[in-house]
Amino acid sequence: MNLDFRPFFRNATKYQVFIAYINQEDITEEDNQCMIGCQCRTGYLLNSLGECVLPLNCWKA
C-alpha cells in the first residue's frame, strides 16, 4: 500500500485522496477523471465529457 499521495496532489481532489486513504488503495493518474478549473461553479469539477459534476462522481468505481 502506497500512502504517499504527494505526486498526485496536483491532479487528485482532496476527496479522492481521502477515499483512497480510508480504503487503503493506491491512487493513480487514471483514477483522476476530473480536473479543477474555472469552468464550473464552486463545489463542482469538470469531467472528461465536459460536464460539471460533484467530486464524488469523479472517482472511478
N, C-alpha and C. Protein backbone atom coordinates (compact mmCIF):
# COMPACT_ATOMS: atom_id res chain seq x y z
N MET A 1 0.85 -1.18 0.00
CA MET A 1 0.00 0.00 0.00
C MET A 1 0.88 1.23 0.00
N ASN A 2 0.61 2.14 -0.89
CA ASN A 2 1.38 3.37 -1.01
C ASN A 2 0.53 4.54 -0.51
N LEU A 3 0.90 5.09 0.63
CA LEU A 3 0.14 6.22 1.17
C LEU A 3 0.81 7.55 0.89
N ASP A 4 1.82 7.55 0.03
CA ASP A 4 2.48 8.79 -0.34
C ASP A 4 1.78 9.35 -1.58
N PHE A 5 0.81 10.25 -1.35
CA PHE A 5 0.00 10.79 -2.44
C PHE A 5 0.57 12.05 -3.05
N ARG A 6 1.72 12.51 -2.54
CA ARG A 6 2.27 13.79 -3.00
C ARG A 6 2.39 13.92 -4.52
N PRO A 7 2.83 12.88 -5.26
CA PRO A 7 2.94 13.06 -6.71
C PRO A 7 1.60 13.32 -7.39
N PHE A 8 0.49 12.96 -6.74
CA PHE A 8 -0.82 13.07 -7.37
C PHE A 8 -1.66 14.22 -6.85
N PHE A 9 -1.16 14.96 -5.87
CA PHE A 9 -1.94 16.07 -5.32
C PHE A 9 -2.26 17.12 -6.37
N ARG A 10 -1.43 17.28 -7.38
CA ARG A 10 -1.70 18.31 -8.38
C ARG A 10 -2.93 17.96 -9.22
N ASN A 11 -3.31 16.68 -9.29
CA ASN A 11 -4.46 16.26 -10.07
C ASN A 11 -5.61 15.72 -9.23
N ALA A 12 -5.31 15.06 -8.14
CA ALA A 12 -6.36 14.43 -7.33
C ALA A 12 -7.03 15.45 -6.43
N THR A 13 -8.32 15.27 -6.25
CA THR A 13 -9.04 16.12 -5.31
C THR A 13 -8.79 15.63 -3.90
N LYS A 14 -9.07 16.47 -2.91
CA LYS A 14 -8.93 16.06 -1.52
C LYS A 14 -9.85 14.88 -1.23
N TYR A 15 -11.01 14.88 -1.86
CA TYR A 15 -11.96 13.78 -1.69
C TYR A 15 -11.35 12.47 -2.18
N GLN A 16 -10.70 12.49 -3.36
CA GLN A 16 -10.08 11.29 -3.91
C GLN A 16 -8.98 10.77 -2.99
N VAL A 17 -8.17 11.66 -2.49
CA VAL A 17 -7.08 11.26 -1.61
C VAL A 17 -7.64 10.66 -0.33
N PHE A 18 -8.69 11.29 0.22
CA PHE A 18 -9.30 10.79 1.45
C PHE A 18 -9.89 9.39 1.24
N ILE A 19 -10.64 9.21 0.17
CA ILE A 19 -11.26 7.91 -0.12
C ILE A 19 -10.18 6.85 -0.34
N ALA A 20 -9.14 7.19 -1.07
CA ALA A 20 -8.04 6.24 -1.28
C ALA A 20 -7.40 5.87 0.04
N TYR A 21 -7.26 6.84 0.91
CA TYR A 21 -6.64 6.58 2.21
C TYR A 21 -7.51 5.66 3.07
N ILE A 22 -8.81 5.95 3.17
CA ILE A 22 -9.65 5.12 4.05
C ILE A 22 -9.86 3.72 3.46
N ASN A 23 -9.78 3.60 2.14
CA ASN A 23 -9.90 2.29 1.50
C ASN A 23 -8.55 1.60 1.36
N GLN A 24 -7.48 2.27 1.77
CA GLN A 24 -6.12 1.76 1.68
C GLN A 24 -5.79 1.33 0.25
N GLU A 25 -6.09 2.22 -0.69
CA GLU A 25 -5.83 1.96 -2.10
C GLU A 25 -4.74 2.89 -2.60
N ASP A 26 -4.08 2.47 -3.66
CA ASP A 26 -3.16 3.36 -4.35
C ASP A 26 -3.98 4.25 -5.26
N ILE A 27 -3.54 5.48 -5.45
CA ILE A 27 -4.20 6.39 -6.37
C ILE A 27 -3.31 6.57 -7.58
N THR A 28 -3.89 6.52 -8.76
CA THR A 28 -3.11 6.63 -9.99
C THR A 28 -3.65 7.77 -10.83
N GLU A 29 -2.89 8.14 -11.86
CA GLU A 29 -3.34 9.18 -12.77
C GLU A 29 -4.65 8.79 -13.44
N GLU A 30 -4.85 7.49 -13.72
CA GLU A 30 -6.07 7.04 -14.38
C GLU A 30 -7.30 7.20 -13.51
N ASP A 31 -7.11 7.22 -12.19
CA ASP A 31 -8.23 7.37 -11.28
C ASP A 31 -8.82 8.77 -11.31
N ASN A 32 -8.04 9.73 -11.74
CA ASN A 32 -8.50 11.11 -11.74
C ASN A 32 -9.29 11.38 -13.01
N GLN A 33 -10.61 11.43 -12.91
CA GLN A 33 -11.47 11.60 -14.07
C GLN A 33 -11.94 13.04 -14.24
N CYS A 34 -11.57 13.92 -13.33
CA CYS A 34 -11.99 15.32 -13.41
C CYS A 34 -10.80 16.23 -13.19
N MET A 35 -11.00 17.50 -13.55
CA MET A 35 -9.94 18.46 -13.31
C MET A 35 -10.51 19.68 -12.63
N ILE A 36 -9.66 20.36 -11.91
CA ILE A 36 -10.06 21.58 -11.22
C ILE A 36 -9.82 22.75 -12.15
N GLY A 37 -10.78 23.63 -12.23
CA GLY A 37 -10.62 24.79 -13.09
C GLY A 37 -11.73 25.79 -12.86
N CYS A 38 -11.78 26.77 -13.71
CA CYS A 38 -12.77 27.85 -13.58
C CYS A 38 -14.03 27.57 -14.39
N GLN A 39 -14.13 26.40 -15.00
CA GLN A 39 -15.26 26.13 -15.88
C GLN A 39 -16.56 25.87 -15.13
N CYS A 40 -16.46 25.42 -13.89
CA CYS A 40 -17.65 25.04 -13.13
C CYS A 40 -17.82 25.92 -11.90
N ARG A 41 -19.03 25.95 -11.39
CA ARG A 41 -19.28 26.72 -10.17
C ARG A 41 -18.62 26.04 -8.97
N THR A 42 -18.54 26.73 -7.88
CA THR A 42 -17.89 26.24 -6.67
C THR A 42 -18.47 24.90 -6.24
N GLY A 43 -17.59 23.95 -5.93
CA GLY A 43 -18.02 22.64 -5.47
C GLY A 43 -18.15 21.60 -6.56
N TYR A 44 -18.00 22.01 -7.81
CA TYR A 44 -18.11 21.09 -8.93
C TYR A 44 -16.79 21.03 -9.69
N LEU A 45 -16.56 19.91 -10.38
CA LEU A 45 -15.36 19.72 -11.18
C LEU A 45 -15.76 19.35 -12.60
N LEU A 46 -14.88 19.65 -13.54
CA LEU A 46 -15.13 19.35 -14.95
C LEU A 46 -14.64 17.94 -15.24
N ASN A 47 -15.53 17.07 -15.74
CA ASN A 47 -15.11 15.71 -16.06
C ASN A 47 -14.62 15.64 -17.50
N SER A 48 -14.21 14.44 -17.93
CA SER A 48 -13.64 14.27 -19.27
C SER A 48 -14.68 14.44 -20.37
N LEU A 49 -15.96 14.47 -20.03
CA LEU A 49 -17.03 14.69 -21.01
C LEU A 49 -17.41 16.16 -21.11
N GLY A 50 -16.73 17.01 -20.33
CA GLY A 50 -17.04 18.44 -20.34
C GLY A 50 -18.22 18.81 -19.48
N GLU A 51 -18.62 17.92 -18.57
CA GLU A 51 -19.75 18.17 -17.69
C GLU A 51 -19.26 18.57 -16.31
N CYS A 52 -20.00 19.44 -15.65
CA CYS A 52 -19.68 19.82 -14.28
C CYS A 52 -20.38 18.84 -13.35
N VAL A 53 -19.58 18.13 -12.55
CA VAL A 53 -20.12 17.10 -11.66
C VAL A 53 -19.57 17.29 -10.26
N LEU A 54 -20.26 16.69 -9.28
CA LEU A 54 -19.76 16.70 -7.91
C LEU A 54 -18.50 15.84 -7.82
N PRO A 55 -17.60 16.16 -6.90
CA PRO A 55 -16.36 15.39 -6.77
C PRO A 55 -16.58 13.89 -6.59
N LEU A 56 -17.64 13.49 -5.91
CA LEU A 56 -17.87 12.06 -5.71
C LEU A 56 -18.14 11.33 -7.01
N ASN A 57 -18.55 12.05 -8.05
CA ASN A 57 -18.78 11.44 -9.35
C ASN A 57 -17.53 11.40 -10.22
N CYS A 58 -16.42 11.89 -9.69
CA CYS A 58 -15.16 11.85 -10.42
C CYS A 58 -14.40 10.57 -10.16
N TRP A 59 -14.68 9.96 -9.03
CA TRP A 59 -13.93 8.78 -8.62
C TRP A 59 -14.36 7.58 -9.44
N LYS A 60 -13.39 6.89 -10.00
CA LYS A 60 -13.68 5.72 -10.82
C LYS A 60 -14.19 4.59 -9.93
N ALA A 61 -15.34 4.04 -10.24
CA ALA A 61 -15.92 2.96 -9.42
C ALA A 61 -15.32 1.62 -9.77
